[in-house]
Amino acid sequence: MISSNDPHVLYSLDAGVCIIQINRPEKKNALTHSMYKALADGLKEADADSAVKVILLRGTQDCFTSGNDVNDFVASEERSSERPSVQFMKALANLRKPLIAAVNGLGIGIGTTMLMHCDLVYAATDSFLQLPFTRLGLCPEAGSSFLAPQIMGHQRAAELLLLGERFSASKAKEYGLVNEVLDSQSVLPHALEKAHALAALPSEAVQTSKHLLKRNQSGPLEETIAIELVNFSRLLQSPEAQAIVQAFLERKRS
């Protein structure tokens, strides 16, 4: 595989499993534009590499990801539809190979919405997730306004996306977003065990089965991501969102 262009995103290959790690623990694995690009590049490269059978996303032992790095997000003047975060969303949506997530600690914003694109998700008992978009004056992203109701039904999706409250790994399992909840030390070994089991199966059969499972999603998902981006950009310029962002930055400076 290629090498990562960002020191906070690591790639490794383990018996047919490509492990993509978010590794910026001093900032709770907050994602910069450079990290988004490295994540997108890693997913695309792994999907194209015949040596890779399964892709596994992980964070660190204490944190999956706290979402966007707000300073980096605000400083960027890039507003095109193909900014690195969008490249990452599209890479997730277009993967042919199985995608597994091992979640420890925080999974905030994109740290939760990316799980909706995964085929298998394993989380720690002490981890928690959050879709805080309305609390930031924003709307859902990464196709979550389409995927969440499909996964858990309208009322449960509305609870998580409209109220934007934190929720536990056990609740995520109850709602169909997580396959299994394990103690924090067991999450990664268990996810790797399942990844290796998948990697040992006939690749064409696995990838065809994934395609059949998701074949009704591709058109609506692509359209939803595009519509979400338009509305996200519009809401980001609203007085409410701007005030929330500035208040957050002021708190960090003080």
Protein backbone atom coordinates (compact mmCIF):
# COMPACT_ATOMS: atom_id res chain seq x y z
CA MET A 1 0.00 0.00 0.00
CA ILE A 2 0.94 3.65 -0.34
CA SER A 3 2.21 5.52 2.71
CA SER A 4 -0.05 7.99 4.46
CA ASN A 5 0.59 11.65 3.70
CA ASP A 6 -0.47 12.66 7.22
CA PRO A 7 1.38 11.58 10.37
CA HIS A 8 -1.92 11.31 12.26
CA VAL A 9 -3.41 8.71 9.90
CA LEU A 10 -1.60 5.37 9.79
CA TYR A 11 -1.96 2.50 7.33
CA SER A 12 -0.91 -1.10 7.98
CA LEU A 13 -1.63 -4.48 6.39
CA ASP A 14 -2.26 -7.56 8.52
CA ALA A 15 -3.03 -10.83 6.68
CA GLY A 16 -5.32 -9.24 4.12
CA VAL A 17 -6.77 -6.65 6.52
CA CYS A 18 -5.91 -3.00 5.88
CA ILE A 19 -5.97 -1.16 9.20
CA ILE A 20 -6.49 2.59 8.92
CA GLN A 21 -5.85 4.28 12.25
CA ILE A 22 -6.74 7.80 13.35
CA ASN A 23 -3.85 8.63 15.68
CA ARG A 24 -3.94 12.15 17.13
CA PRO A 25 -4.67 11.41 20.79
CA GLU A 26 -3.45 14.78 22.09
CA LYS A 27 -6.39 16.38 20.20
CA LYS A 28 -8.89 13.58 20.82
CA ASN A 29 -8.32 12.43 17.24
CA ALA A 30 -9.97 15.59 15.87
CA LEU A 31 -9.85 15.52 12.07
CA THR A 32 -8.07 18.13 9.95
CA HIS A 33 -8.41 18.55 6.20
CA SER A 34 -5.07 16.77 5.76
CA MET A 35 -6.30 13.84 7.86
CA TYR A 36 -9.53 13.62 5.85
CA LYS A 37 -7.48 13.41 2.66
CA ALA A 38 -5.29 10.68 4.12
CA LEU A 39 -8.39 8.74 5.22
CA ALA A 40 -9.97 9.08 1.78
CA ASP A 41 -6.73 8.10 0.02
CA GLY A 42 -6.28 5.11 2.31
CA LEU A 43 -9.80 3.83 1.65
CA LYS A 44 -9.45 4.22 -2.12
CA GLU A 45 -6.02 2.58 -2.19
CA ALA A 46 -7.16 -0.32 0.00
CA ASP A 47 -10.23 -0.85 -2.18
CA ALA A 48 -8.04 -1.04 -5.29
CA ASP A 49 -5.28 -3.22 -3.78
CA SER A 50 -5.71 -6.95 -4.51
CA ALA A 51 -3.75 -7.80 -1.35
CA VAL A 52 -6.48 -6.16 0.76
CA LYS A 53 -9.62 -8.18 1.46
CA VAL A 54 -11.11 -6.19 4.37
CA ILE A 55 -10.67 -2.64 5.71
CA LEU A 56 -10.72 -1.84 9.43
CA LEU A 57 -11.07 1.69 10.82
CA ARG A 58 -9.88 2.40 14.34
CA GLY A 59 -8.86 5.25 16.58
CA THR A 60 -6.73 5.03 19.72
CA GLN A 61 -7.45 3.12 22.92
CA ASP A 62 -9.21 6.12 24.49
CA CYS A 63 -10.86 7.77 21.48
CA PHE A 64 -12.27 6.96 18.04
CA THR A 65 -12.61 10.59 16.89
CA SER A 66 -14.10 13.75 18.38
CA GLY A 67 -15.05 14.96 14.87
CA ASN A 68 -13.81 18.02 13.02
CA ASP A 69 -10.90 20.07 14.30
CA VAL A 70 -12.82 23.35 14.62
CA ASN A 71 -9.78 25.62 14.23
CA ASP A 72 -8.75 23.85 11.03
CA PHE A 73 -12.36 23.79 9.81
CA VAL A 74 -12.86 27.54 10.33
CA ALA A 75 -9.44 28.47 8.92
CA SER A 76 -10.05 26.63 5.67
CA GLU A 77 -11.40 28.77 2.86
CA GLU A 78 -12.01 25.72 0.72
CA ARG A 79 -15.74 25.37 0.12
CA SER A 80 -15.89 23.27 -3.06
CA SER A 81 -17.95 20.08 -3.12
CA GLU A 82 -14.74 18.06 -3.34
CA ARG A 83 -12.99 19.26 -0.20
CA PRO A 84 -11.20 16.40 1.63
CA SER A 85 -14.06 15.67 4.03
CA VAL A 86 -16.37 15.16 1.04
CA GLN A 87 -13.79 12.92 -0.64
CA PHE A 88 -13.81 10.83 2.53
CA MET A 89 -17.62 10.62 2.59
CA LYS A 90 -17.70 9.50 -1.04
CA ALA A 91 -14.93 6.97 -0.48
CA LEU A 92 -16.95 5.45 2.38
CA ALA A 93 -20.09 5.31 0.26
CA ASN A 94 -18.36 3.70 -2.73
CA LEU A 95 -16.31 0.97 -1.04
CA ARG A 96 -16.59 -2.48 -2.61
CA LYS A 97 -14.74 -4.28 0.17
CA PRO A 98 -16.10 -4.95 3.68
CA LEU A 99 -15.53 -2.13 6.16
CA ILE A 100 -15.29 -2.76 9.91
CA ALA A 101 -15.00 -0.20 12.71
CA ALA A 102 -13.46 -0.69 16.15
CA VAL A 103 -14.72 2.10 18.42
CA ASN A 104 -13.18 3.12 21.74
CA GLY A 105 -14.06 6.30 23.61
CA LEU A 106 -15.59 9.26 21.79
CA GLY A 107 -17.29 9.01 18.40
CA ILE A 108 -18.64 12.51 17.71
CA GLY A 109 -20.16 13.89 14.49
CA ILE A 110 -18.38 12.21 11.58
CA GLY A 111 -17.15 9.75 14.21
CA THR A 112 -20.72 8.45 14.35
CA THR A 113 -21.92 9.09 10.79
CA MET A 114 -19.03 7.10 9.30
CA LEU A 115 -20.23 4.06 11.27
CA MET A 116 -23.43 4.07 9.21
CA HIS A 117 -21.32 3.18 6.16
CA CYS A 118 -19.60 0.27 7.92
CA ASP A 119 -20.63 -3.35 7.50
CA LEU A 120 -19.64 -4.38 11.02
CA VAL A 121 -19.17 -2.14 14.07
CA TYR A 122 -17.74 -3.13 17.45
CA ALA A 123 -17.70 -0.67 20.34
CA ALA A 124 -16.44 -0.47 23.92
CA THR A 125 -18.82 -0.44 26.86
CA ASP A 126 -17.46 2.93 27.98
CA SER A 127 -17.61 4.57 24.55
CA PHE A 128 -20.31 7.03 23.57
CA LEU A 129 -21.52 8.54 20.32
CA GLN A 130 -23.16 11.82 19.38
CA LEU A 131 -24.70 13.52 16.33
CA PRO A 132 -24.56 17.14 17.61
CA PHE A 133 -25.39 18.92 14.35
CA THR A 134 -28.53 20.82 15.43
CA ARG A 135 -26.74 21.92 18.61
CA LEU A 136 -24.15 23.56 16.35
CA GLY A 137 -26.77 25.20 14.14
CA LEU A 138 -26.06 22.67 11.39
CA CYS A 139 -27.69 19.68 9.70
CA PRO A 140 -26.66 16.03 9.23
CA GLU A 141 -23.82 15.05 6.87
CA ALA A 142 -22.18 12.01 5.24
CA GLY A 143 -25.58 10.72 4.13
CA SER A 144 -26.73 10.17 7.70
CA SER A 145 -30.17 11.72 7.11
CA PHE A 146 -30.79 8.83 4.67
CA LEU A 147 -28.85 6.03 6.38
CA ALA A 148 -29.97 6.57 9.99
CA PRO A 149 -33.71 6.04 9.29
CA GLN A 150 -32.84 2.98 7.19
CA ILE A 151 -30.79 1.49 10.00
CA MET A 152 -32.97 2.33 12.99
CA GLY A 153 -36.33 3.72 11.80
CA HIS A 154 -37.57 7.30 11.65
CA GLN A 155 -38.34 7.96 15.33
CA ARG A 156 -35.02 6.66 16.62
CA ALA A 157 -33.10 8.50 13.89
CA ALA A 158 -35.03 11.69 14.71
CA GLU A 159 -34.19 11.28 18.40
CA LEU A 160 -30.46 11.13 17.66
CA LEU A 161 -30.29 13.64 14.80
CA LEU A 162 -32.75 16.28 16.06
CA LEU A 163 -31.92 16.30 19.77
CA GLY A 164 -28.21 15.73 19.21
CA GLU A 165 -27.67 14.14 22.63
CA ARG A 166 -24.89 11.76 23.56
CA PHE A 167 -25.82 8.09 23.54
CA SER A 168 -24.10 4.96 24.80
CA ALA A 169 -22.67 2.05 22.87
CA SER A 170 -25.40 -0.16 24.33
CA LYS A 171 -28.06 2.20 22.97
CA ALA A 172 -26.28 2.20 19.61
CA LYS A 173 -26.47 -1.60 19.64
CA GLU A 174 -30.15 -1.50 20.56
CA TYR A 175 -30.76 0.89 17.64
CA GLY A 176 -28.89 -1.32 15.16
CA LEU A 177 -25.80 0.85 14.65
CA VAL A 178 -23.38 -1.41 16.57
CA ASN A 179 -23.05 -5.21 16.26
CA GLU A 180 -21.46 -5.96 19.62
CA VAL A 181 -20.42 -4.08 22.77
CA LEU A 182 -17.28 -5.34 24.49
CA ASP A 183 -14.90 -4.25 27.23
CA SER A 184 -12.43 -1.65 25.99
CA GLN A 185 -9.45 -4.03 25.82
CA SER A 186 -11.37 -6.56 23.70
CA VAL A 187 -12.74 -4.26 20.98
CA LEU A 188 -9.77 -4.20 18.64
CA PRO A 189 -8.82 -7.90 19.01
CA HIS A 190 -12.45 -8.90 18.40
CA ALA A 191 -12.78 -6.59 15.37
CA LEU A 192 -9.52 -8.00 13.97
CA GLU A 193 -10.74 -11.55 14.54
CA LYS A 194 -13.89 -10.83 12.52
CA ALA A 195 -11.86 -9.01 9.86
CA HIS A 196 -9.52 -11.98 9.45
CA ALA A 197 -12.50 -14.34 9.28
CA LEU A 198 -13.95 -12.23 6.44
CA ALA A 199 -10.57 -11.99 4.72
CA ALA A 200 -10.33 -15.80 4.67
CA LEU A 201 -13.58 -16.13 2.70
CA PRO A 202 -13.75 -16.00 -1.13
CA SER A 203 -13.33 -12.28 -1.90
CA GLU A 204 -15.61 -12.17 -4.93
CA ALA A 205 -18.43 -13.81 -3.00
CA VAL A 206 -18.03 -11.38 -0.08
CA GLN A 207 -17.86 -8.28 -2.28
CA THR A 208 -20.81 -9.42 -4.42
CA SER A 209 -22.85 -10.05 -1.28
CA LYS A 210 -22.00 -6.57 0.04
CA HIS A 211 -22.99 -5.05 -3.31
CA LEU A 212 -26.35 -6.87 -3.22
CA LEU A 213 -26.97 -5.73 0.36
CA LYS A 214 -26.31 -2.09 -0.57
CA ARG A 215 -27.45 -1.93 -4.20
CA ASN A 216 -30.59 0.09 -3.41
CA GLN A 217 -28.58 2.73 -1.52
CA SER A 218 -26.16 4.09 -4.13
CA GLY A 219 -28.40 6.54 -5.99
CA PRO A 220 -30.34 7.92 -3.00
CA LEU A 221 -27.17 8.04 -0.85
CA GLU A 222 -25.20 10.05 -3.41
CA GLU A 223 -28.13 12.45 -3.82
CA THR A 224 -28.53 12.81 -0.04
CA ILE A 225 -24.85 13.61 0.50
CA ALA A 226 -25.08 16.34 -2.16
CA ILE A 227 -28.25 17.86 -0.66
CA GLU A 228 -26.82 17.70 2.87
CA LEU A 229 -23.68 19.54 1.73
CA VAL A 230 -25.68 22.39 0.20
CA ASN A 231 -27.70 22.82 3.38
CA PHE A 232 -24.69 22.34 5.67
CA SER A 233 -22.84 25.14 3.85
CA ARG A 234 -25.91 27.38 4.00
CA LEU A 235 -26.46 26.80 7.71
CA LEU A 236 -22.78 27.25 8.46
CA GLN A 237 -23.11 30.88 7.35
CA SER A 238 -26.16 31.49 9.55
CA PRO A 239 -25.85 33.85 12.55
CA GLU A 240 -26.71 31.00 14.93
CA ALA A 241 -23.97 28.68 13.68
CA GLN A 242 -21.41 31.46 13.48
CA ALA A 243 -22.14 32.49 17.06
CA ILE A 244 -21.81 28.90 18.30
CA VAL A 245 -18.48 28.44 16.48
CA GLN A 246 -17.09 31.74 17.80
CA ALA A 247 -18.19 30.91 21.35
CA PHE A 248 -16.43 27.53 21.06
CA LEU A 249 -13.23 29.16 19.81
CA GLU A 250 -13.32 31.77 22.58
CA ARG A 251 -13.66 29.03 25.20
CA LYS A 252 -10.62 27.25 23.76
CA ARG A 253 -8.57 30.47 23.83
CA SER A 254 -9.46 31.30 27.45
